[in-house]
Amino acid sequence: MSPVTHLFASLTPMWIWKGQWALDAWPNRLLSAALFCWMLWLGAGLGHSVVGVFNCRADAVFIGVLRRWRQALTRKMVSKNNRGR
């Protein structure tokens, strides 16, 4: 596996070790998916998201959709827990 090189890579030292995994390996994908879901959950709770950087109205619509999804998911989880009792 070759390391990721950047501009002026020959001037900077590079750290390489045998335990290094690929950038698209499953731990990186899992962490990315978890952080993305957490970002959506936080956006629904706080009332703003990354979409607001581009358009405030689109952010409001996006947050509305996220809040409806969040409410549906929590309702589903609560009803599943109540059925088990």
PDB file of N, CA and C in Angstrom:
ATOM      1  N   MET A   1       0.850  -1.167   0.000  1.00  0.00           N
ATOM      2  CA  MET A   1       0.000   0.000   0.000  1.00  0.00           C
ATOM      3  C   MET A   1       0.898   1.233   0.000  1.00  0.00           C
ATOM      4  N   SER A   2       0.558   2.173  -0.845  1.00  0.00           N
ATOM      5  CA  SER A   2       1.350   3.400  -0.881  1.00  0.00           C
ATOM      6  C   SER A   2       0.648   4.482  -0.065  1.00  0.00           C
ATOM      7  N   PRO A   3       1.395   5.337   0.584  1.00  0.00           N
ATOM      8  CA  PRO A   3       0.793   6.387   1.402  1.00  0.00           C
ATOM      9  C   PRO A   3       0.169   7.471   0.536  1.00  0.00           C
ATOM     10  N   VAL A   4      -0.709   8.248   1.134  1.00  0.00           N
ATOM     11  CA  VAL A   4      -1.318   9.376   0.450  1.00  0.00           C
ATOM     12  C   VAL A   4      -0.276  10.483   0.358  1.00  0.00           C
ATOM     13  N   THR A   5      -0.015  10.941  -0.838  1.00  0.00           N
ATOM     14  CA  THR A   5       0.974  12.006  -1.013  1.00  0.00           C
ATOM     15  C   THR A   5       0.272  13.318  -1.283  1.00  0.00           C
ATOM     16  N   HIS A   6       0.865  14.374  -0.844  1.00  0.00           N
ATOM     17  CA  HIS A   6       0.318  15.710  -1.011  1.00  0.00           C
ATOM     18  C   HIS A   6       1.337  16.567  -1.775  1.00  0.00           C
ATOM     19  N   LEU A   7       0.980  17.786  -1.995  1.00  0.00           N
ATOM     20  CA  LEU A   7       1.886  18.719  -2.640  1.00  0.00           C
ATOM     21  C   LEU A   7       3.165  18.828  -1.813  1.00  0.00           C
ATOM     22  N   PHE A   8       4.288  18.794  -2.449  1.00  0.00           N
ATOM     23  CA  PHE A   8       5.601  18.843  -1.796  1.00  0.00           C
ATOM     24  C   PHE A   8       5.811  17.653  -0.854  1.00  0.00           C
ATOM     25  N   ALA A   9       5.324  16.502  -1.260  1.00  0.00           N
ATOM     26  CA  ALA A   9       5.436  15.316  -0.404  1.00  0.00           C
ATOM     27  C   ALA A   9       6.892  14.913  -0.182  1.00  0.00           C
ATOM     28  N   SER A  10       7.750  15.232  -1.119  1.00  0.00           N
ATOM     29  CA  SER A  10       9.145  14.831  -0.960  1.00  0.00           C
ATOM     30  C   SER A  10       9.870  15.669   0.096  1.00  0.00           C
ATOM     31  N   LEU A  11       9.314  16.821   0.433  1.00  0.00           N
ATOM     32  CA  LEU A  11       9.959  17.694   1.415  1.00  0.00           C
ATOM     33  C   LEU A  11       9.528  17.386   2.851  1.00  0.00           C
ATOM     34  N   THR A  12       8.416  16.688   3.005  1.00  0.00           N
ATOM     35  CA  THR A  12       7.917  16.418   4.349  1.00  0.00           C
ATOM     36  C   THR A  12       8.116  14.943   4.688  1.00  0.00           C
ATOM     37  N   PRO A  13       8.367  14.644   5.948  1.00  0.00           N
ATOM     38  CA  PRO A  13       8.528  13.233   6.331  1.00  0.00           C
ATOM     39  C   PRO A  13       7.183  12.510   6.267  1.00  0.00           C
ATOM     40  N   MET A  14       7.221  11.212   5.983  1.00  0.00           N
ATOM     41  CA  MET A  14       6.021  10.397   5.908  1.00  0.00           C
ATOM     42  C   MET A  14       6.102   9.278   6.926  1.00  0.00           C
ATOM     43  N   TRP A  15       5.026   9.052   7.618  1.00  0.00           N
ATOM     44  CA  TRP A  15       4.955   7.969   8.584  1.00  0.00           C
ATOM     45  C   TRP A  15       4.206   6.821   7.947  1.00  0.00           C
ATOM     46  N   ILE A  16       4.817   5.668   7.880  1.00  0.00           N
ATOM     47  CA  ILE A  16       4.203   4.471   7.324  1.00  0.00           C
ATOM     48  C   ILE A  16       4.454   3.336   8.308  1.00  0.00           C
ATOM     49  N   TRP A  17       3.440   2.535   8.551  1.00  0.00           N
ATOM     50  CA  TRP A  17       3.606   1.373   9.403  1.00  0.00           C
ATOM     51  C   TRP A  17       2.797   0.223   8.831  1.00  0.00           C
ATOM     52  N   LYS A  18       3.147  -0.991   9.205  1.00  0.00           N
ATOM     53  CA  LYS A  18       2.546  -2.179   8.604  1.00  0.00           C
ATOM     54  C   LYS A  18       1.096  -2.390   9.012  1.00  0.00           C
ATOM     55  N   GLY A  19       0.672  -1.830  10.114  1.00  0.00           N
ATOM     56  CA  GLY A  19      -0.706  -1.996  10.570  1.00  0.00           C
ATOM     57  C   GLY A  19      -1.668  -1.009   9.943  1.00  0.00           C
ATOM     58  N   GLN A  20      -1.201  -0.218   9.030  1.00  0.00           N
ATOM     59  CA  GLN A  20      -2.015   0.818   8.403  1.00  0.00           C
ATOM     60  C   GLN A  20      -3.100   0.183   7.533  1.00  0.00           C
ATOM     61  N   TRP A  21      -4.335   0.705   7.590  1.00  0.00           N
ATOM     62  CA  TRP A  21      -5.402   0.174   6.749  1.00  0.00           C
ATOM     63  C   TRP A  21      -5.766   1.190   5.672  1.00  0.00           C
ATOM     64  N   ALA A  22      -6.483   0.713   4.673  1.00  0.00           N
ATOM     65  CA  ALA A  22      -6.870   1.561   3.544  1.00  0.00           C
ATOM     66  C   ALA A  22      -7.859   2.632   3.998  1.00  0.00           C
ATOM     67  N   LEU A  23      -7.891   3.741   3.273  1.00  0.00           N
ATOM     68  CA  LEU A  23      -8.802   4.824   3.628  1.00  0.00           C
ATOM     69  C   LEU A  23     -10.265   4.425   3.486  1.00  0.00           C
ATOM     70  N   ASP A  24     -10.565   3.473   2.618  1.00  0.00           N
ATOM     71  CA  ASP A  24     -11.949   3.030   2.450  1.00  0.00           C
ATOM     72  C   ASP A  24     -12.227   1.727   3.202  1.00  0.00           C
ATOM     73  N   ALA A  25     -11.456   1.456   4.236  1.00  0.00           N
ATOM     74  CA  ALA A  25     -11.652   0.249   5.040  1.00  0.00           C
ATOM     75  C   ALA A  25     -12.911   0.383   5.902  1.00  0.00           C
ATOM     76  N   TRP A  26     -13.402  -0.745   6.404  1.00  0.00           N
ATOM     77  CA  TRP A  26     -14.659  -0.741   7.144  1.00  0.00           C
ATOM     78  C   TRP A  26     -14.636   0.112   8.411  1.00  0.00           C
ATOM     79  N   PRO A  27     -13.522   0.233   9.152  1.00  0.00           N
ATOM     80  CA  PRO A  27     -13.580   1.110  10.336  1.00  0.00           C
ATOM     81  C   PRO A  27     -13.840   2.574   9.966  1.00  0.00           C
ATOM     82  N   ASN A  28     -13.240   3.025   8.875  1.00  0.00           N
ATOM     83  CA  ASN A  28     -13.457   4.405   8.442  1.00  0.00           C
ATOM     84  C   ASN A  28     -14.889   4.606   7.964  1.00  0.00           C
ATOM     85  N   ARG A  29     -15.413   3.626   7.249  1.00  0.00           N
ATOM     86  CA  ARG A  29     -16.803   3.723   6.765  1.00  0.00           C
ATOM     87  C   ARG A  29     -17.786   3.714   7.927  1.00  0.00           C
ATOM     88  N   LEU A  30     -17.544   2.847   8.910  1.00  0.00           N
ATOM     89  CA  LEU A  30     -18.424   2.772  10.065  1.00  0.00           C
ATOM     90  C   LEU A  30     -18.413   4.079  10.859  1.00  0.00           C
ATOM     91  N   LEU A  31     -17.228   4.617  11.081  1.00  0.00           N
ATOM     92  CA  LEU A  31     -17.115   5.890  11.800  1.00  0.00           C
ATOM     93  C   LEU A  31     -17.802   7.016  11.027  1.00  0.00           C
ATOM     94  N   SER A  32     -17.614   7.055   9.725  1.00  0.00           N
ATOM     95  CA  SER A  32     -18.244   8.089   8.893  1.00  0.00           C
ATOM     96  C   SER A  32     -19.761   7.984   8.940  1.00  0.00           C
ATOM     97  N   ALA A  33     -20.293   6.775   8.841  1.00  0.00           N
ATOM     98  CA  ALA A  33     -21.746   6.583   8.889  1.00  0.00           C
ATOM     99  C   ALA A  33     -22.300   6.983  10.255  1.00  0.00           C
ATOM    100  N   ALA A  34     -21.598   6.619  11.329  1.00  0.00           N
ATOM    101  CA  ALA A  34     -22.052   6.972  12.673  1.00  0.00           C
ATOM    102  C   ALA A  34     -22.038   8.484  12.880  1.00  0.00           C
ATOM    103  N   LEU A  35     -20.984   9.145  12.432  1.00  0.00           N
ATOM    104  CA  LEU A  35     -20.913  10.605  12.572  1.00  0.00           C
ATOM    105  C   LEU A  35     -21.962  11.307  11.728  1.00  0.00           C
ATOM    106  N   PHE A  36     -22.249  10.762  10.530  1.00  0.00           N
ATOM    107  CA  PHE A  36     -23.271  11.349   9.671  1.00  0.00           C
ATOM    108  C   PHE A  36     -24.647  11.239  10.321  1.00  0.00           C
ATOM    109  N   CYS A  37     -24.969  10.066  10.892  1.00  0.00           N
ATOM    110  CA  CYS A  37     -26.259   9.894  11.574  1.00  0.00           C
ATOM    111  C   CYS A  37     -26.362  10.805  12.793  1.00  0.00           C
ATOM    112  N   TRP A  38     -25.262  10.937  13.535  1.00  0.00           N
ATOM    113  CA  TRP A  38     -25.249  11.826  14.701  1.00  0.00           C
ATOM    114  C   TRP A  38     -25.467  13.276  14.268  1.00  0.00           C
ATOM    115  N   MET A  39     -24.858  13.668  13.138  1.00  0.00           N
ATOM    116  CA  MET A  39     -25.035  15.022  12.626  1.00  0.00           C
ATOM    117  C   MET A  39     -26.508  15.284  12.276  1.00  0.00           C
ATOM    118  N   LEU A  40     -27.170  14.305  11.658  1.00  0.00           N
ATOM    119  CA  LEU A  40     -28.588  14.466  11.316  1.00  0.00           C
ATOM    120  C   LEU A  40     -29.441  14.556  12.572  1.00  0.00           C
ATOM    121  N   TRP A  41     -29.140  13.710  13.559  1.00  0.00           N
ATOM    122  CA  TRP A  41     -29.894  13.726  14.820  1.00  0.00           C
ATOM    123  C   TRP A  41     -29.716  15.059  15.545  1.00  0.00           C
ATOM    124  N   LEU A  42     -28.491  15.563  15.575  1.00  0.00           N
ATOM    125  CA  LEU A  42     -28.229  16.861  16.203  1.00  0.00           C
ATOM    126  C   LEU A  42     -28.919  17.997  15.455  1.00  0.00           C
ATOM    127  N   GLY A  43     -28.888  17.948  14.141  1.00  0.00           N
ATOM    128  CA  GLY A  43     -29.538  18.977  13.332  1.00  0.00           C
ATOM    129  C   GLY A  43     -31.022  19.062  13.610  1.00  0.00           C
ATOM    130  N   ALA A  44     -31.660  17.916  13.754  1.00  0.00           N
ATOM    131  CA  ALA A  44     -33.096  17.905  14.052  1.00  0.00           C
ATOM    132  C   ALA A  44     -33.365  18.495  15.432  1.00  0.00           C
ATOM    133  N   GLY A  45     -32.475  18.250  16.363  1.00  0.00           N
ATOM    134  CA  GLY A  45     -32.669  18.757  17.723  1.00  0.00           C
ATOM    135  C   GLY A  45     -32.368  20.241  17.864  1.00  0.00           C
ATOM    136  N   LEU A  46     -31.314  20.697  17.199  1.00  0.00           N
ATOM    137  CA  LEU A  46     -30.889  22.089  17.337  1.00  0.00           C
ATOM    138  C   LEU A  46     -31.639  23.054  16.425  1.00  0.00           C
ATOM    139  N   GLY A  47     -32.167  22.544  15.317  1.00  0.00           N
ATOM    140  CA  GLY A  47     -32.939  23.396  14.415  1.00  0.00           C
ATOM    141  C   GLY A  47     -32.134  24.007  13.297  1.00  0.00           C
ATOM    142  N   HIS A  48     -30.913  23.588  13.108  1.00  0.00           N
ATOM    143  CA  HIS A  48     -30.124  24.047  11.964  1.00  0.00           C
ATOM    144  C   HIS A  48     -29.133  22.970  11.583  1.00  0.00           C
ATOM    145  N   SER A  49     -28.704  23.006  10.322  1.00  0.00           N
ATOM    146  CA  SER A  49     -27.815  21.961   9.828  1.00  0.00           C
ATOM    147  C   SER A  49     -26.792  22.558   8.875  1.00  0.00           C
ATOM    148  N   VAL A  50     -26.022  21.706   8.264  1.00  0.00           N
ATOM    149  CA  VAL A  50     -25.006  22.130   7.301  1.00  0.00           C
ATOM    150  C   VAL A  50     -25.643  22.757   6.069  1.00  0.00           C
ATOM    151  N   VAL A  51     -26.868  22.374   5.761  1.00  0.00           N
ATOM    152  CA  VAL A  51     -27.559  22.914   4.588  1.00  0.00           C
ATOM    153  C   VAL A  51     -27.715  24.429   4.708  1.00  0.00           C
ATOM    154  N   GLY A  52     -27.796  24.943   5.928  1.00  0.00           N
ATOM    155  CA  GLY A  52     -27.948  26.377   6.151  1.00  0.00           C
ATOM    156  C   GLY A  52     -26.794  27.203   5.624  1.00  0.00           C
ATOM    157  N   VAL A  53     -25.655  26.592   5.401  1.00  0.00           N
ATOM    158  CA  VAL A  53     -24.516  27.306   4.824  1.00  0.00           C
ATOM    159  C   VAL A  53     -24.842  27.751   3.402  1.00  0.00           C
ATOM    160  N   PHE A  54     -25.641  26.945   2.707  1.00  0.00           N
ATOM    161  CA  PHE A  54     -25.947  27.224   1.312  1.00  0.00           C
ATOM    162  C   PHE A  54     -27.244  27.999   1.120  1.00  0.00           C
ATOM    163  N   ASN A  55     -28.290  27.652   1.907  1.00  0.00           N
ATOM    164  CA  ASN A  55     -29.582  28.299   1.724  1.00  0.00           C
ATOM    165  C   ASN A  55     -30.390  28.146   3.010  1.00  0.00           C
ATOM    166  N   CYS A  56     -30.856  29.271   3.564  1.00  0.00           N
ATOM    167  CA  CYS A  56     -31.592  29.241   4.831  1.00  0.00           C
ATOM    168  C   CYS A  56     -32.958  28.579   4.681  1.00  0.00           C
ATOM    169  N   ARG A  57     -33.645  28.862   3.570  1.00  0.00           N
ATOM    170  CA  ARG A  57     -34.968  28.254   3.366  1.00  0.00           C
ATOM    171  C   ARG A  57     -34.848  26.750   3.170  1.00  0.00           C
ATOM    172  N   ALA A  58     -33.843  26.320   2.413  1.00  0.00           N
ATOM    173  CA  ALA A  58     -33.639  24.886   2.221  1.00  0.00           C
ATOM    174  C   ALA A  58     -33.295  24.212   3.548  1.00  0.00           C
ATOM    175  N   ASP A  59     -32.572  24.926   4.409  1.00  0.00           N
ATOM    176  CA  ASP A  59     -32.243  24.393   5.729  1.00  0.00           C
ATOM    177  C   ASP A  59     -33.510  24.202   6.554  1.00  0.00           C
ATOM    178  N   ALA A  60     -34.422  25.160   6.483  1.00  0.00           N
ATOM    179  CA  ALA A  60     -35.676  25.042   7.232  1.00  0.00           C
ATOM    180  C   ALA A  60     -36.488  23.842   6.751  1.00  0.00           C
ATOM    181  N   VAL A  61     -36.540  23.637   5.444  1.00  0.00           N
ATOM    182  CA  VAL A  61     -37.261  22.481   4.895  1.00  0.00           C
ATOM    183  C   VAL A  61     -36.574  21.190   5.313  1.00  0.00           C
ATOM    184  N   PHE A  62     -35.265  21.157   5.211  1.00  0.00           N
ATOM    185  CA  PHE A  62     -34.483  19.980   5.575  1.00  0.00           C
ATOM    186  C   PHE A  62     -34.674  19.628   7.046  1.00  0.00           C
ATOM    187  N   ILE A  63     -34.641  20.627   7.901  1.00  0.00           N
ATOM    188  CA  ILE A  63     -34.838  20.399   9.341  1.00  0.00           C
ATOM    189  C   ILE A  63     -36.254  19.905   9.611  1.00  0.00           C
ATOM    190  N   GLY A  64     -37.232  20.426   8.868  1.00  0.00           N
ATOM    191  CA  GLY A  64     -38.602  19.933   9.021  1.00  0.00           C
ATOM    192  C   GLY A  64     -38.711  18.454   8.702  1.00  0.00           C
ATOM    193  N   VAL A  65     -38.066  18.045   7.629  1.00  0.00           N
ATOM    194  CA  VAL A  65     -38.064  16.622   7.256  1.00  0.00           C
ATOM    195  C   VAL A  65     -37.343  15.797   8.323  1.00  0.00           C
ATOM    196  N   LEU A  66     -36.196  16.274   8.773  1.00  0.00           N
ATOM    197  CA  LEU A  66     -35.455  15.546   9.808  1.00  0.00           C
ATOM    198  C   LEU A  66     -36.278  15.408  11.084  1.00  0.00           C
ATOM    199  N   ARG A  67     -36.988  16.443  11.470  1.00  0.00           N
ATOM    200  CA  ARG A  67     -37.786  16.384  12.697  1.00  0.00           C
ATOM    201  C   ARG A  67     -38.940  15.396  12.558  1.00  0.00           C
ATOM    202  N   ARG A  68     -39.567  15.351  11.372  1.00  0.00           N
ATOM    203  CA  ARG A  68     -40.632  14.369  11.160  1.00  0.00           C
ATOM    204  C   ARG A  68     -40.075  12.954  11.219  1.00  0.00           C
ATOM    205  N   TRP A  69     -38.903  12.729  10.615  1.00  0.00           N
ATOM    206  CA  TRP A  69     -38.268  11.412  10.674  1.00  0.00           C
ATOM    207  C   TRP A  69     -37.921  11.042  12.108  1.00  0.00           C
ATOM    208  N   ARG A  70     -37.405  12.027  12.843  1.00  0.00           N
ATOM    209  CA  ARG A  70     -37.002  11.770  14.229  1.00  0.00           C
ATOM    210  C   ARG A  70     -38.218  11.418  15.086  1.00  0.00           C
ATOM    211  N   GLN A  71     -39.314  12.161  14.891  1.00  0.00           N
ATOM    212  CA  GLN A  71     -40.534  11.866  15.649  1.00  0.00           C
ATOM    213  C   GLN A  71     -41.077  10.488  15.305  1.00  0.00           C
ATOM    214  N   ALA A  72     -41.082  10.143  14.020  1.00  0.00           N
ATOM    215  CA  ALA A  72     -41.578   8.826  13.603  1.00  0.00           C
ATOM    216  C   ALA A  72     -40.709   7.716  14.180  1.00  0.00           C
ATOM    217  N   LEU A  73     -39.404   7.925  14.168  1.00  0.00           N
ATOM    218  CA  LEU A  73     -38.488   6.914  14.694  1.00  0.00           C
ATOM    219  C   LEU A  73     -38.657   6.741  16.195  1.00  0.00           C
ATOM    220  N   THR A  74     -38.775   7.833  16.924  1.00  0.00           N
ATOM    221  CA  THR A  74     -38.933   7.717  18.377  1.00  0.00           C
ATOM    222  C   THR A  74     -40.295   7.116  18.721  1.00  0.00           C
ATOM    223  N   ARG A  75     -41.339   7.467  17.957  1.00  0.00           N
ATOM    224  CA  ARG A  75     -42.656   6.863  18.186  1.00  0.00           C
ATOM    225  C   ARG A  75     -42.613   5.358  17.961  1.00  0.00           C
ATOM    226  N   LYS A  76     -41.924   4.962  16.903  1.00  0.00           N
ATOM    227  CA  LYS A  76     -41.806   3.544  16.578  1.00  0.00           C
ATOM    228  C   LYS A  76     -41.043   2.797  17.680  1.00  0.00           C
ATOM    229  N   MET A  77     -39.981   3.409  18.181  1.00  0.00           N
ATOM    230  CA  MET A  77     -39.187   2.771  19.239  1.00  0.00           C
ATOM    231  C   MET A  77     -39.972   2.675  20.533  1.00  0.00           C
ATOM    232  N   VAL A  78     -40.745   3.706  20.858  1.00  0.00           N
ATOM    233  CA  VAL A  78     -41.542   3.691  22.085  1.00  0.00           C
ATOM    234  C   VAL A  78     -42.632   2.639  21.985  1.00  0.00           C
ATOM    235  N   SER A  79     -43.291   2.553  20.829  1.00  0.00           N
ATOM    236  CA  SER A  79     -44.359   1.557  20.687  1.00  0.00           C
ATOM    237  C   SER A  79     -43.786   0.141  20.713  1.00  0.00           C
ATOM    238  N   LYS A  80     -42.591  -0.047  20.176  1.00  0.00           N
ATOM    239  CA  LYS A  80     -41.953  -1.368  20.211  1.00  0.00           C
ATOM    240  C   LYS A  80     -41.617  -1.745  21.650  1.00  0.00           C
ATOM    241  N   ASN A  81     -41.145  -0.770  22.445  1.00  0.00           N
ATOM    242  CA  ASN A  81     -40.821  -1.038  23.852  1.00  0.00           C
ATOM    243  C   ASN A  81     -42.073  -1.318  24.670  1.00  0.00           C
ATOM    244  N   ASN A  82     -43.171  -0.625  24.352  1.00  0.00           N
ATOM    245  CA  ASN A  82     -44.426  -0.844  25.101  1.00  0.00           C
ATOM    246  C   ASN A  82     -45.036  -2.197  24.783  1.00  0.00           C
ATOM    247  N   ARG A  83     -44.855  -2.691  23.559  1.00  0.00           N
ATOM    248  CA  ARG A  83     -45.390  -4.003  23.190  1.00  0.00           C
ATOM    249  C   ARG A  83     -44.681  -5.122  23.927  1.00  0.00           C
ATOM    250  N   GLY A  84     -43.417  -4.927  24.227  1.00  0.00           N
ATOM    251  CA  GLY A  84     -42.619  -5.962  24.884  1.00  0.00           C
ATOM    252  C   GLY A  84     -42.960  -6.138  26.361  1.00  0.00           C
ATOM    253  N   ARG A  85     -43.661  -5.214  26.946  1.00  0.00           N
ATOM    254  CA  ARG A  85     -43.969  -5.272  28.382  1.00  0.00           C
ATOM    255  C   ARG A  85     -45.168  -6.127  28.665  1.00  0.00           C
TER     256      ARG A  85
END
